[in-house]
């Protein structure tokens, strides 16, 4: 039952306010991490509704095009944030989706799937650039050689940073299954 169908108008208004706030917050969070705002909204609707929904249901709920829903749902599915479910007893052939509620699993999927791949790609580009400069250095004039040396130094520093980031991510990924997130009441970083 959607919040619009509930008889108690005061509770209904508060539920709608919280739902709107959550969808706005999740869309902003998605944008912050480089995803579309619609992805955040779609995930939020599925997370808060708690029941599987079809693409048509999602399209109607958010008042967006079916193409946008379909494209973003495919990405959410690849990230492991939603999954397709089959509902028995339904006469239609529509696909239904539900949200992954294990946020630690979502973090793991994103770190493994996107972030580590981007760090690997960055390291590869940095190494290619160092090789290019080293190969071309002997044919450069003295001033350009100094500039190339500076570039190599800076790129080497960036490589060290990306290798550190890679180490942190793989270490975190290796330890995630040991965490009991529901038992963490506070994280003190300082």
C-alpha atoms as a PDB file:
ATOM      1  CA  UNK A   1       0.000   0.000   0.000  1.00  0.00           C
ATOM      2  CA  UNK A   2       1.430   3.367  -0.953  1.00  0.00           C
ATOM      3  CA  UNK A   3       1.387   6.251   1.463  1.00  0.00           C
ATOM      4  CA  UNK A   4      -1.250   8.000  -0.680  1.00  0.00           C
ATOM      5  CA  UNK A   5      -3.716   5.168   0.083  1.00  0.00           C
ATOM      6  CA  UNK A   6      -3.410   5.309   3.876  1.00  0.00           C
ATOM      7  CA  UNK A   7      -6.411   6.835   5.644  1.00  0.00           C
ATOM      8  CA  UNK A   8      -4.634   8.818   8.400  1.00  0.00           C
ATOM      9  CA  UNK A   9      -3.786  12.140   6.671  1.00  0.00           C
ATOM     10  CA  UNK A  10      -1.352  13.405   9.351  1.00  0.00           C
ATOM     11  CA  UNK A  11       0.707  10.213   9.280  1.00  0.00           C
ATOM     12  CA  UNK A  12       0.363  10.186   5.510  1.00  0.00           C
ATOM     13  CA  UNK A  13       1.794  13.719   5.224  1.00  0.00           C
ATOM     14  CA  UNK A  14       4.730  12.857   7.488  1.00  0.00           C
ATOM     15  CA  UNK A  15       5.459   9.664   5.565  1.00  0.00           C
ATOM     16  CA  UNK A  16       5.381  11.571   2.298  1.00  0.00           C
ATOM     17  CA  UNK A  17       7.660  14.272   3.712  1.00  0.00           C
ATOM     18  CA  UNK A  18      10.186  11.673   4.888  1.00  0.00           C
ATOM     19  CA  UNK A  19       9.933   9.788   1.594  1.00  0.00           C
ATOM     20  CA  UNK A  20      10.522  13.004  -0.380  1.00  0.00           C
ATOM     21  CA  UNK A  21      13.443  13.908   1.875  1.00  0.00           C
ATOM     22  CA  UNK A  22      14.987  10.439   1.495  1.00  0.00           C
ATOM     23  CA  UNK A  23      14.586  10.422  -2.294  1.00  0.00           C
ATOM     24  CA  UNK A  24      16.125  13.884  -2.507  1.00  0.00           C
ATOM     25  CA  UNK A  25      18.988  12.862  -0.226  1.00  0.00           C
ATOM     26  CA  UNK A  26      19.668   9.645  -2.136  1.00  0.00           C
ATOM     27  CA  UNK A  27      19.586  11.489  -5.468  1.00  0.00           C
ATOM     28  CA  UNK A  28      22.128  14.012  -4.129  1.00  0.00           C
ATOM     29  CA  UNK A  29      24.296  11.197  -2.766  1.00  0.00           C
ATOM     30  CA  UNK A  30      24.171   9.388  -6.117  1.00  0.00           C
ATOM     31  CA  UNK A  31      25.231  12.573  -7.925  1.00  0.00           C
ATOM     32  CA  UNK A  32      28.069  13.095  -5.439  1.00  0.00           C
ATOM     33  CA  UNK A  33      29.460   9.653  -6.280  1.00  0.00           C
ATOM     34  CA  UNK A  34      29.164  10.226 -10.023  1.00  0.00           C
ATOM     35  CA  UNK A  35      25.908   8.412 -10.651  1.00  0.00           C
ATOM     36  CA  UNK A  36      22.703   9.936 -11.995  1.00  0.00           C
ATOM     37  CA  UNK A  37      20.234  11.468  -9.570  1.00  0.00           C
ATOM     38  CA  UNK A  38      17.536   9.219 -11.051  1.00  0.00           C
ATOM     39  CA  UNK A  39      19.527   6.166  -9.917  1.00  0.00           C
ATOM     40  CA  UNK A  40      19.393   7.449  -6.351  1.00  0.00           C
ATOM     41  CA  UNK A  41      15.662   8.067  -6.598  1.00  0.00           C
ATOM     42  CA  UNK A  42      14.947   4.634  -8.098  1.00  0.00           C
ATOM     43  CA  UNK A  43      16.970   2.902  -5.409  1.00  0.00           C
ATOM     44  CA  UNK A  44      15.224   4.989  -2.756  1.00  0.00           C
ATOM     45  CA  UNK A  45      11.735   4.126  -3.997  1.00  0.00           C
ATOM     46  CA  UNK A  46      12.536   0.408  -4.002  1.00  0.00           C
ATOM     47  CA  UNK A  47      14.263   0.582  -0.624  1.00  0.00           C
ATOM     48  CA  UNK A  48      11.444   2.469   1.078  1.00  0.00           C
ATOM     49  CA  UNK A  49       8.570   0.632  -0.597  1.00  0.00           C
ATOM     50  CA  UNK A  50       9.814  -2.772   0.501  1.00  0.00           C
ATOM     51  CA  UNK A  51       7.797  -4.549  -2.192  1.00  0.00           C
ATOM     52  CA  UNK A  52       8.989  -5.524  -5.677  1.00  0.00           C
ATOM     53  CA  UNK A  53       8.043  -2.996  -8.335  1.00  0.00           C
ATOM     54  CA  UNK A  54       7.905  -3.093 -12.125  1.00  0.00           C
ATOM     55  CA  UNK A  55       9.478  -0.571 -14.483  1.00  0.00           C
ATOM     56  CA  UNK A  56       5.973   0.824 -15.070  1.00  0.00           C
ATOM     57  CA  UNK A  57       5.429   1.208 -11.315  1.00  0.00           C
ATOM     58  CA  UNK A  58       8.735   3.061 -10.970  1.00  0.00           C
ATOM     59  CA  UNK A  59       8.021   5.222 -14.004  1.00  0.00           C
ATOM     60  CA  UNK A  60       4.654   6.229 -12.559  1.00  0.00           C
ATOM     61  CA  UNK A  61       5.969   6.793  -9.029  1.00  0.00           C
ATOM     62  CA  UNK A  62       8.780   9.117 -10.130  1.00  0.00           C
ATOM     63  CA  UNK A  63       7.044  10.569 -13.200  1.00  0.00           C
ATOM     64  CA  UNK A  64       9.991   9.842 -15.501  1.00  0.00           C
ATOM     65  CA  UNK A  65      10.290   8.132 -18.881  1.00  0.00           C
ATOM     66  CA  UNK A  66      10.403   4.375 -19.217  1.00  0.00           C
ATOM     67  CA  UNK A  67      13.692   4.667 -21.125  1.00  0.00           C
ATOM     68  CA  UNK A  68      15.272   6.520 -18.201  1.00  0.00           C
ATOM     69  CA  UNK A  69      13.928   3.976 -15.714  1.00  0.00           C
ATOM     70  CA  UNK A  70      15.137   1.051 -17.830  1.00  0.00           C
ATOM     71  CA  UNK A  71      18.622   2.482 -18.402  1.00  0.00           C
ATOM     72  CA  UNK A  72      19.163   3.397 -14.748  1.00  0.00           C
ATOM     73  CA  UNK A  73      17.734   0.110 -13.466  1.00  0.00           C
ATOM     74  CA  UNK A  74      20.175  -1.786 -15.665  1.00  0.00           C
ATOM     75  CA  UNK A  75      23.058   0.142 -14.071  1.00  0.00           C
ATOM     76  CA  UNK A  76      21.670  -0.380 -10.553  1.00  0.00           C
ATOM     77  CA  UNK A  77      21.402  -4.088 -11.308  1.00  0.00           C
ATOM     78  CA  UNK A  78      25.011  -4.229 -12.545  1.00  0.00           C
ATOM     79  CA  UNK A  79      26.131  -2.495  -9.337  1.00  0.00           C
ATOM     80  CA  UNK A  80      24.228  -5.054  -7.269  1.00  0.00           C
ATOM     81  CA  UNK A  81      21.981  -2.388  -5.749  1.00  0.00           C
ATOM     82  CA  UNK A  82      18.778  -3.945  -7.094  1.00  0.00           C
ATOM     83  CA  UNK A  83      17.851  -7.384  -8.337  1.00  0.00           C
ATOM     84  CA  UNK A  84      15.190  -8.771 -10.588  1.00  0.00           C
ATOM     85  CA  UNK A  85      12.592 -10.950  -8.873  1.00  0.00           C
ATOM     86  CA  UNK A  86       9.853 -13.116 -10.300  1.00  0.00           C
ATOM     87  CA  UNK A  87       6.449 -12.860  -8.709  1.00  0.00           C
ATOM     88  CA  UNK A  88       4.274 -15.938  -8.844  1.00  0.00           C
ATOM     89  CA  UNK A  89       0.603 -15.648  -9.443  1.00  0.00           C
ATOM     90  CA  UNK A  90       0.876 -12.501 -11.531  1.00  0.00           C
ATOM     91  CA  UNK A  91      -0.653 -12.769 -14.961  1.00  0.00           C
ATOM     92  CA  UNK A  92       1.657 -10.215 -16.526  1.00  0.00           C
ATOM     93  CA  UNK A  93       5.109 -10.757 -17.968  1.00  0.00           C
ATOM     94  CA  UNK A  94       6.661  -7.632 -16.489  1.00  0.00           C
ATOM     95  CA  UNK A  95       9.978  -7.719 -14.686  1.00  0.00           C
ATOM     96  CA  UNK A  96       9.916  -6.769 -11.032  1.00  0.00           C
ATOM     97  CA  UNK A  97      12.776  -5.382  -8.994  1.00  0.00           C
ATOM     98  CA  UNK A  98      13.641  -5.074  -5.333  1.00  0.00           C
ATOM     99  CA  UNK A  99      16.387  -3.152  -3.542  1.00  0.00           C
ATOM    100  CA  UNK A 100      19.438  -4.787  -2.009  1.00  0.00           C
ATOM    101  CA  UNK A 101      19.177  -3.806   1.644  1.00  0.00           C
ATOM    102  CA  UNK A 102      22.667  -4.943   2.679  1.00  0.00           C
ATOM    103  CA  UNK A 103      24.517  -1.636   2.333  1.00  0.00           C
ATOM    104  CA  UNK A 104      27.859  -3.282   3.060  1.00  0.00           C
ATOM    105  CA  UNK A 105      27.287  -5.602   0.099  1.00  0.00           C
ATOM    106  CA  UNK A 106      26.527  -2.590  -2.094  1.00  0.00           C
ATOM    107  CA  UNK A 107      29.751  -0.902  -0.970  1.00  0.00           C
ATOM    108  CA  UNK A 108      31.674  -4.094  -1.733  1.00  0.00           C
ATOM    109  CA  UNK A 109      30.117  -4.359  -5.202  1.00  0.00           C
ATOM    110  CA  UNK A 110      30.902  -0.739  -6.042  1.00  0.00           C
ATOM    111  CA  UNK A 111      34.481  -0.895  -4.753  1.00  0.00           C
ATOM    112  CA  UNK A 112      35.176  -4.131  -6.617  1.00  0.00           C
ATOM    113  CA  UNK A 113      33.333  -3.233  -9.774  1.00  0.00           C
ATOM    114  CA  UNK A 114      33.953   0.421 -10.370  1.00  0.00           C
ATOM    115  CA  UNK A 115      36.497   1.965  -8.057  1.00  0.00           C
ATOM    116  CA  UNK A 116      39.243  -0.668  -8.293  1.00  0.00           C
ATOM    117  CA  UNK A 117      38.803  -0.786 -12.065  1.00  0.00           C
ATOM    118  CA  UNK A 118      39.225   3.017 -12.243  1.00  0.00           C
ATOM    119  CA  UNK A 119      42.338   2.915 -10.048  1.00  0.00           C
ATOM    120  CA  UNK A 120      43.805   0.145 -12.231  1.00  0.00           C
ATOM    121  CA  UNK A 121      43.040   2.194 -15.345  1.00  0.00           C
ATOM    122  CA  UNK A 122      44.661   5.302 -13.826  1.00  0.00           C
ATOM    123  CA  UNK A 123      47.797   3.337 -12.906  1.00  0.00           C
ATOM    124  CA  UNK A 124      48.019   1.984 -16.439  1.00  0.00           C
ATOM    125  CA  UNK A 125      47.713   5.473 -17.980  1.00  0.00           C
ATOM    126  CA  UNK A 126      50.323   6.858 -15.594  1.00  0.00           C
ATOM    127  CA  UNK A 127      52.758   4.053 -16.435  1.00  0.00           C
ATOM    128  CA  UNK A 128      52.196   4.561 -20.181  1.00  0.00           C
ATOM    129  CA  UNK A 129      52.926   8.276 -19.797  1.00  0.00           C
ATOM    130  CA  UNK A 130      56.170   7.625 -17.911  1.00  0.00           C
ATOM    131  CA  UNK A 131      57.250   5.179 -20.614  1.00  0.00           C
ATOM    132  CA  UNK A 132      56.424   7.712 -23.344  1.00  0.00           C
ATOM    133  CA  UNK A 133      58.467  10.424 -21.632  1.00  0.00           C
ATOM    134  CA  UNK A 134      61.413   8.116 -20.964  1.00  0.00           C
ATOM    135  CA  UNK A 135      61.450   6.934 -24.596  1.00  0.00           C
ATOM    136  CA  UNK A 136      61.291  10.503 -25.947  1.00  0.00           C
ATOM    137  CA  UNK A 137      63.622  12.123 -23.414  1.00  0.00           C
ATOM    138  CA  UNK A 138      66.874  11.500 -25.325  1.00  0.00           C
ATOM    139  CA  UNK A 139      65.565  13.360 -28.390  1.00  0.00           C
ATOM    140  CA  UNK A 140      64.568  16.450 -26.373  1.00  0.00           C
ATOM    141  CA  UNK A 141      66.544  19.628 -25.821  1.00  0.00           C
ATOM    142  CA  UNK A 142      67.852  20.303 -22.300  1.00  0.00           C
ATOM    143  CA  UNK A 143      64.935  22.515 -21.270  1.00  0.00           C
ATOM    144  CA  UNK A 144      62.361  19.933 -22.417  1.00  0.00           C
ATOM    145  CA  UNK A 145      64.327  17.190 -20.637  1.00  0.00           C
ATOM    146  CA  UNK A 146      63.983  19.143 -17.368  1.00  0.00           C
ATOM    147  CA  UNK A 147      60.255  19.490 -17.993  1.00  0.00           C
ATOM    148  CA  UNK A 148      60.007  15.762 -18.782  1.00  0.00           C
ATOM    149  CA  UNK A 149      61.890  14.969 -15.558  1.00  0.00           C
ATOM    150  CA  UNK A 150      59.439  17.130 -13.612  1.00  0.00           C
ATOM    151  CA  UNK A 151      56.498  15.338 -15.278  1.00  0.00           C
ATOM    152  CA  UNK A 152      58.012  11.953 -14.447  1.00  0.00           C
ATOM    153  CA  UNK A 153      58.500  12.995 -10.802  1.00  0.00           C
ATOM    154  CA  UNK A 154      54.909  14.228 -10.513  1.00  0.00           C
ATOM    155  CA  UNK A 155      53.479  11.187 -12.269  1.00  0.00           C
ATOM    156  CA  UNK A 156      55.531   8.895 -10.027  1.00  0.00           C
ATOM    157  CA  UNK A 157      54.053  10.674  -6.990  1.00  0.00           C
ATOM    158  CA  UNK A 158      50.579  10.130  -8.414  1.00  0.00           C
ATOM    159  CA  UNK A 159      51.375   6.456  -8.982  1.00  0.00           C
ATOM    160  CA  UNK A 160      52.346   6.104  -5.329  1.00  0.00           C
ATOM    161  CA  UNK A 161      49.064   7.695  -4.281  1.00  0.00           C
ATOM    162  CA  UNK A 162      46.981   5.433  -6.545  1.00  0.00           C
ATOM    163  CA  UNK A 163      48.874   2.348  -5.359  1.00  0.00           C
ATOM    164  CA  UNK A 164      48.125   3.406  -1.783  1.00  0.00           C
ATOM    165  CA  UNK A 165      44.433   3.860  -2.677  1.00  0.00           C
ATOM    166  CA  UNK A 166      44.494   0.413  -4.295  1.00  0.00           C
ATOM    167  CA  UNK A 167      46.020  -1.074  -1.143  1.00  0.00           C
ATOM    168  CA  UNK A 168      43.431   0.615   1.087  1.00  0.00           C
ATOM    169  CA  UNK A 169      40.534  -0.607  -1.060  1.00  0.00           C
ATOM    170  CA  UNK A 170      41.770  -4.184  -1.289  1.00  0.00           C
ATOM    171  CA  UNK A 171      42.471  -4.218   2.459  1.00  0.00           C
ATOM    172  CA  UNK A 172      39.007  -2.865   3.236  1.00  0.00           C
ATOM    173  CA  UNK A 173      37.418  -5.363   0.847  1.00  0.00           C
ATOM    174  CA  UNK A 174      39.341  -8.188   2.483  1.00  0.00           C
ATOM    175  CA  UNK A 175      38.080  -7.216   5.936  1.00  0.00           C
ATOM    176  CA  UNK A 176      34.461  -6.311   5.147  1.00  0.00           C
ATOM    177  CA  UNK A 177      33.024  -9.758   5.895  1.00  0.00           C
ATOM    178  CA  UNK A 178      34.487  -9.538   9.402  1.00  0.00           C
ATOM    179  CA  UNK A 179      32.579  -6.330  10.162  1.00  0.00           C
ATOM    180  CA  UNK A 180      29.322  -6.352  12.063  1.00  0.00           C
ATOM    181  CA  UNK A 181      27.968  -3.025  10.824  1.00  0.00           C
ATOM    182  CA  UNK A 182      24.833  -3.199  12.945  1.00  0.00           C
ATOM    183  CA  UNK A 183      27.035  -3.318  16.055  1.00  0.00           C
ATOM    184  CA  UNK A 184      28.987  -0.165  15.186  1.00  0.00           C
ATOM    185  CA  UNK A 185      27.555   2.732  17.145  1.00  0.00           C
ATOM    186  CA  UNK A 186      30.274   5.270  16.389  1.00  0.00           C
ATOM    187  CA  UNK A 187      33.387   5.674  14.275  1.00  0.00           C
ATOM    188  CA  UNK A 188      36.026   7.979  15.737  1.00  0.00           C
ATOM    189  CA  UNK A 189      38.419   9.173  13.033  1.00  0.00           C
ATOM    190  CA  UNK A 190      40.550  11.480  15.122  1.00  0.00           C
END
